[in-house]
């Protein structure tokens, strides 16, 4: 399975009064992970936007397992959980250096035209992206994940 890794050094501003990372910041970290994954596959989200296409989140979830605190170093592991040519489901794990899983999550995205927000087919509009996502999906299926 192709997994992209994004290192995060937890900043003080990302924590709450309890001294742990504020829950909404994990969603920002998921976005960083997704962007890194796309870059690691050889693409740039900004190029898609230049063509008038956006990829909004249509669903997102996070499950908090262990606290992350100011000064911790964590990594966000990101992979393609599911892809069908129209939707992409990205999977995420936020892990400490000792491999403790702190947060898991998923985000579901579609691609839409910027002007109308009407969905487009990734398969047709971005055939190279489609080819790479299919390749990543096949690796995931062949490993039984």
C-alpha atoms as a PDB file:
ATOM      1  CA  UNK A   1       0.000   0.000   0.000  1.00  0.00           C
ATOM      2  CA  UNK A   2       1.287   3.465  -0.870  1.00  0.00           C
ATOM      3  CA  UNK A   3       1.430   5.569   2.295  1.00  0.00           C
ATOM      4  CA  UNK A   4       2.622   9.150   2.360  1.00  0.00           C
ATOM      5  CA  UNK A   5       4.128  10.543   5.566  1.00  0.00           C
ATOM      6  CA  UNK A   6       3.979  14.156   6.732  1.00  0.00           C
ATOM      7  CA  UNK A   7       5.981  15.132   9.830  1.00  0.00           C
ATOM      8  CA  UNK A   8       4.388  17.604  12.256  1.00  0.00           C
ATOM      9  CA  UNK A   9       6.095  19.429  15.127  1.00  0.00           C
ATOM     10  CA  UNK A  10       3.273  20.425  17.461  1.00  0.00           C
ATOM     11  CA  UNK A  11       3.238  24.165  18.058  1.00  0.00           C
ATOM     12  CA  UNK A  12       1.933  25.835  21.197  1.00  0.00           C
ATOM     13  CA  UNK A  13      -0.744  27.660  19.191  1.00  0.00           C
ATOM     14  CA  UNK A  14      -2.232  24.293  18.179  1.00  0.00           C
ATOM     15  CA  UNK A  15      -3.033  23.317  21.770  1.00  0.00           C
ATOM     16  CA  UNK A  16      -5.985  24.135  23.981  1.00  0.00           C
ATOM     17  CA  UNK A  17      -6.273  25.073  27.658  1.00  0.00           C
ATOM     18  CA  UNK A  18      -5.765  21.419  28.637  1.00  0.00           C
ATOM     19  CA  UNK A  19      -2.381  21.424  26.892  1.00  0.00           C
ATOM     20  CA  UNK A  20      -3.412  18.987  24.157  1.00  0.00           C
ATOM     21  CA  UNK A  21      -3.848  19.595  20.460  1.00  0.00           C
ATOM     22  CA  UNK A  22      -7.218  21.220  19.814  1.00  0.00           C
ATOM     23  CA  UNK A  23      -9.419  18.719  17.966  1.00  0.00           C
ATOM     24  CA  UNK A  24      -9.999  20.820  14.829  1.00  0.00           C
ATOM     25  CA  UNK A  25      -6.258  21.053  14.176  1.00  0.00           C
ATOM     26  CA  UNK A  26      -6.205  17.380  13.263  1.00  0.00           C
ATOM     27  CA  UNK A  27      -8.412  18.204  10.280  1.00  0.00           C
ATOM     28  CA  UNK A  28      -5.780  20.723   9.153  1.00  0.00           C
ATOM     29  CA  UNK A  29      -3.124  18.036   9.576  1.00  0.00           C
ATOM     30  CA  UNK A  30      -5.255  15.655   7.481  1.00  0.00           C
ATOM     31  CA  UNK A  31      -5.267  18.305   4.739  1.00  0.00           C
ATOM     32  CA  UNK A  32      -1.482  18.599   4.956  1.00  0.00           C
ATOM     33  CA  UNK A  33      -1.240  14.819   4.640  1.00  0.00           C
ATOM     34  CA  UNK A  34      -3.572  14.735   1.644  1.00  0.00           C
ATOM     35  CA  UNK A  35      -1.574  17.448  -0.108  1.00  0.00           C
ATOM     36  CA  UNK A  36       1.672  15.571   0.574  1.00  0.00           C
ATOM     37  CA  UNK A  37       0.161  12.365  -0.812  1.00  0.00           C
ATOM     38  CA  UNK A  38      -0.949  14.123  -3.996  1.00  0.00           C
ATOM     39  CA  UNK A  39       2.523  15.642  -4.377  1.00  0.00           C
ATOM     40  CA  UNK A  40       4.189  12.272  -3.712  1.00  0.00           C
ATOM     41  CA  UNK A  41       2.107  10.807  -6.540  1.00  0.00           C
ATOM     42  CA  UNK A  42       3.518  13.495  -8.833  1.00  0.00           C
ATOM     43  CA  UNK A  43       0.606  15.934  -8.955  1.00  0.00           C
ATOM     44  CA  UNK A  44      -0.275  19.346  -7.543  1.00  0.00           C
ATOM     45  CA  UNK A  45      -3.711  20.343  -6.322  1.00  0.00           C
ATOM     46  CA  UNK A  46      -3.000  23.933  -7.427  1.00  0.00           C
ATOM     47  CA  UNK A  47      -2.768  22.711 -11.036  1.00  0.00           C
ATOM     48  CA  UNK A  48      -6.268  21.306 -10.736  1.00  0.00           C
ATOM     49  CA  UNK A  49      -7.536  24.629  -9.404  1.00  0.00           C
ATOM     50  CA  UNK A  50      -5.896  26.483 -12.309  1.00  0.00           C
ATOM     51  CA  UNK A  51      -8.159  24.428 -14.579  1.00  0.00           C
ATOM     52  CA  UNK A  52     -11.237  25.574 -12.652  1.00  0.00           C
ATOM     53  CA  UNK A  53     -11.694  22.360 -10.665  1.00  0.00           C
ATOM     54  CA  UNK A  54     -12.035  22.118  -6.879  1.00  0.00           C
ATOM     55  CA  UNK A  55     -12.061  19.076  -4.617  1.00  0.00           C
ATOM     56  CA  UNK A  56     -14.324  19.846  -1.657  1.00  0.00           C
ATOM     57  CA  UNK A  57     -14.674  17.643   1.388  1.00  0.00           C
ATOM     58  CA  UNK A  58     -18.111  15.991   1.352  1.00  0.00           C
ATOM     59  CA  UNK A  59     -17.599  13.964   4.530  1.00  0.00           C
ATOM     60  CA  UNK A  60     -14.951  13.781   7.233  1.00  0.00           C
ATOM     61  CA  UNK A  61     -14.418  11.848  10.426  1.00  0.00           C
ATOM     62  CA  UNK A  62     -11.796  11.676  13.138  1.00  0.00           C
ATOM     63  CA  UNK A  63     -11.426   9.277  16.029  1.00  0.00           C
ATOM     64  CA  UNK A  64      -9.267  10.410  18.931  1.00  0.00           C
ATOM     65  CA  UNK A  65      -7.253   7.653  20.631  1.00  0.00           C
ATOM     66  CA  UNK A  66      -4.437   9.369  22.589  1.00  0.00           C
ATOM     67  CA  UNK A  67      -3.615  13.008  23.325  1.00  0.00           C
ATOM     68  CA  UNK A  68      -0.934  14.877  21.425  1.00  0.00           C
ATOM     69  CA  UNK A  69       0.777  17.735  23.286  1.00  0.00           C
ATOM     70  CA  UNK A  70       2.860  20.810  22.597  1.00  0.00           C
ATOM     71  CA  UNK A  71       6.414  19.805  21.678  1.00  0.00           C
ATOM     72  CA  UNK A  72       5.456  16.316  20.471  1.00  0.00           C
ATOM     73  CA  UNK A  73       6.686  15.226  17.085  1.00  0.00           C
ATOM     74  CA  UNK A  74       4.105  13.250  15.162  1.00  0.00           C
ATOM     75  CA  UNK A  75       3.589  12.047  11.623  1.00  0.00           C
ATOM     76  CA  UNK A  76       0.454  11.948   9.544  1.00  0.00           C
ATOM     77  CA  UNK A  77       0.262   8.792   7.435  1.00  0.00           C
ATOM     78  CA  UNK A  78      -2.075   9.234   4.479  1.00  0.00           C
ATOM     79  CA  UNK A  79      -3.320   6.772   1.850  1.00  0.00           C
ATOM     80  CA  UNK A  80      -6.120   6.286  -0.653  1.00  0.00           C
ATOM     81  CA  UNK A  81      -8.739   4.248   1.180  1.00  0.00           C
ATOM     82  CA  UNK A  82     -11.159   4.068  -1.772  1.00  0.00           C
ATOM     83  CA  UNK A  83     -11.385   5.466  -5.288  1.00  0.00           C
ATOM     84  CA  UNK A  84     -14.103   4.970  -7.901  1.00  0.00           C
ATOM     85  CA  UNK A  85     -13.328   7.562 -10.583  1.00  0.00           C
ATOM     86  CA  UNK A  86     -15.613  10.176  -9.007  1.00  0.00           C
ATOM     87  CA  UNK A  87     -14.900  10.052  -5.278  1.00  0.00           C
ATOM     88  CA  UNK A  88     -11.708   9.659  -3.331  1.00  0.00           C
ATOM     89  CA  UNK A  89     -11.642   8.520   0.284  1.00  0.00           C
ATOM     90  CA  UNK A  90      -8.361   9.306   2.021  1.00  0.00           C
ATOM     91  CA  UNK A  91      -7.358   7.509   5.203  1.00  0.00           C
ATOM     92  CA  UNK A  92      -5.246   9.075   7.945  1.00  0.00           C
ATOM     93  CA  UNK A  93      -3.306   8.099  11.056  1.00  0.00           C
ATOM     94  CA  UNK A  94      -1.568  10.545  13.364  1.00  0.00           C
ATOM     95  CA  UNK A  95       1.231   8.682  15.124  1.00  0.00           C
ATOM     96  CA  UNK A  96       3.836   9.559  17.733  1.00  0.00           C
ATOM     97  CA  UNK A  97       7.511   8.687  17.251  1.00  0.00           C
ATOM     98  CA  UNK A  98       7.030   5.434  19.211  1.00  0.00           C
ATOM     99  CA  UNK A  99       4.297   4.376  16.725  1.00  0.00           C
ATOM    100  CA  UNK A 100       1.449   5.100  19.162  1.00  0.00           C
ATOM    101  CA  UNK A 101      -1.676   5.825  17.108  1.00  0.00           C
ATOM    102  CA  UNK A 102      -3.230   9.036  18.413  1.00  0.00           C
ATOM    103  CA  UNK A 103      -5.903   9.864  15.827  1.00  0.00           C
ATOM    104  CA  UNK A 104      -7.415   8.034  12.866  1.00  0.00           C
ATOM    105  CA  UNK A 105      -9.701   9.467  10.248  1.00  0.00           C
ATOM    106  CA  UNK A 106     -11.087   9.620   6.739  1.00  0.00           C
ATOM    107  CA  UNK A 107     -12.130  12.364   4.360  1.00  0.00           C
ATOM    108  CA  UNK A 108     -14.295  11.952   1.264  1.00  0.00           C
ATOM    109  CA  UNK A 109     -13.736  14.268  -1.714  1.00  0.00           C
ATOM    110  CA  UNK A 110     -15.305  14.802  -5.109  1.00  0.00           C
ATOM    111  CA  UNK A 111     -14.127  17.074  -7.902  1.00  0.00           C
ATOM    112  CA  UNK A 112     -16.423  19.860  -9.047  1.00  0.00           C
ATOM    113  CA  UNK A 113     -16.383  22.748 -11.502  1.00  0.00           C
ATOM    114  CA  UNK A 114     -15.538  25.933  -9.635  1.00  0.00           C
ATOM    115  CA  UNK A 115     -18.273  28.018 -11.304  1.00  0.00           C
ATOM    116  CA  UNK A 116     -21.158  25.590 -10.873  1.00  0.00           C
ATOM    117  CA  UNK A 117     -20.039  23.101  -8.204  1.00  0.00           C
ATOM    118  CA  UNK A 118     -21.244  20.367 -10.550  1.00  0.00           C
ATOM    119  CA  UNK A 119     -19.313  17.107 -10.178  1.00  0.00           C
ATOM    120  CA  UNK A 120     -16.835  16.023 -12.824  1.00  0.00           C
ATOM    121  CA  UNK A 121     -15.293  12.665 -13.583  1.00  0.00           C
ATOM    122  CA  UNK A 122     -11.671  12.455 -12.466  1.00  0.00           C
ATOM    123  CA  UNK A 123     -11.339   9.548 -14.871  1.00  0.00           C
ATOM    124  CA  UNK A 124     -12.242  11.730 -17.866  1.00  0.00           C
ATOM    125  CA  UNK A 125     -10.900  15.150 -16.856  1.00  0.00           C
ATOM    126  CA  UNK A 126      -7.606  14.052 -15.255  1.00  0.00           C
ATOM    127  CA  UNK A 127      -6.674  10.694 -16.815  1.00  0.00           C
ATOM    128  CA  UNK A 128      -3.152  10.720 -15.330  1.00  0.00           C
ATOM    129  CA  UNK A 129      -4.500  11.208 -11.805  1.00  0.00           C
ATOM    130  CA  UNK A 130      -7.036   8.467 -12.485  1.00  0.00           C
ATOM    131  CA  UNK A 131      -4.296   6.098 -13.634  1.00  0.00           C
ATOM    132  CA  UNK A 132      -2.220   6.699 -10.470  1.00  0.00           C
ATOM    133  CA  UNK A 133      -5.224   6.385  -8.131  1.00  0.00           C
ATOM    134  CA  UNK A 134      -6.231   3.139  -9.832  1.00  0.00           C
ATOM    135  CA  UNK A 135      -2.679   1.862  -9.397  1.00  0.00           C
ATOM    136  CA  UNK A 136      -2.696   2.796  -5.684  1.00  0.00           C
ATOM    137  CA  UNK A 137      -6.134   1.186  -5.286  1.00  0.00           C
ATOM    138  CA  UNK A 138      -4.982  -2.069  -6.901  1.00  0.00           C
ATOM    139  CA  UNK A 139      -1.989  -2.235  -4.555  1.00  0.00           C
ATOM    140  CA  UNK A 140      -4.336  -1.818  -1.613  1.00  0.00           C
ATOM    141  CA  UNK A 141      -6.727  -4.533  -2.860  1.00  0.00           C
ATOM    142  CA  UNK A 142      -3.896  -6.952  -3.654  1.00  0.00           C
ATOM    143  CA  UNK A 143      -2.683  -6.632  -0.058  1.00  0.00           C
ATOM    144  CA  UNK A 144      -6.188  -7.402   1.215  1.00  0.00           C
ATOM    145  CA  UNK A 145      -6.718  -4.000   2.839  1.00  0.00           C
END
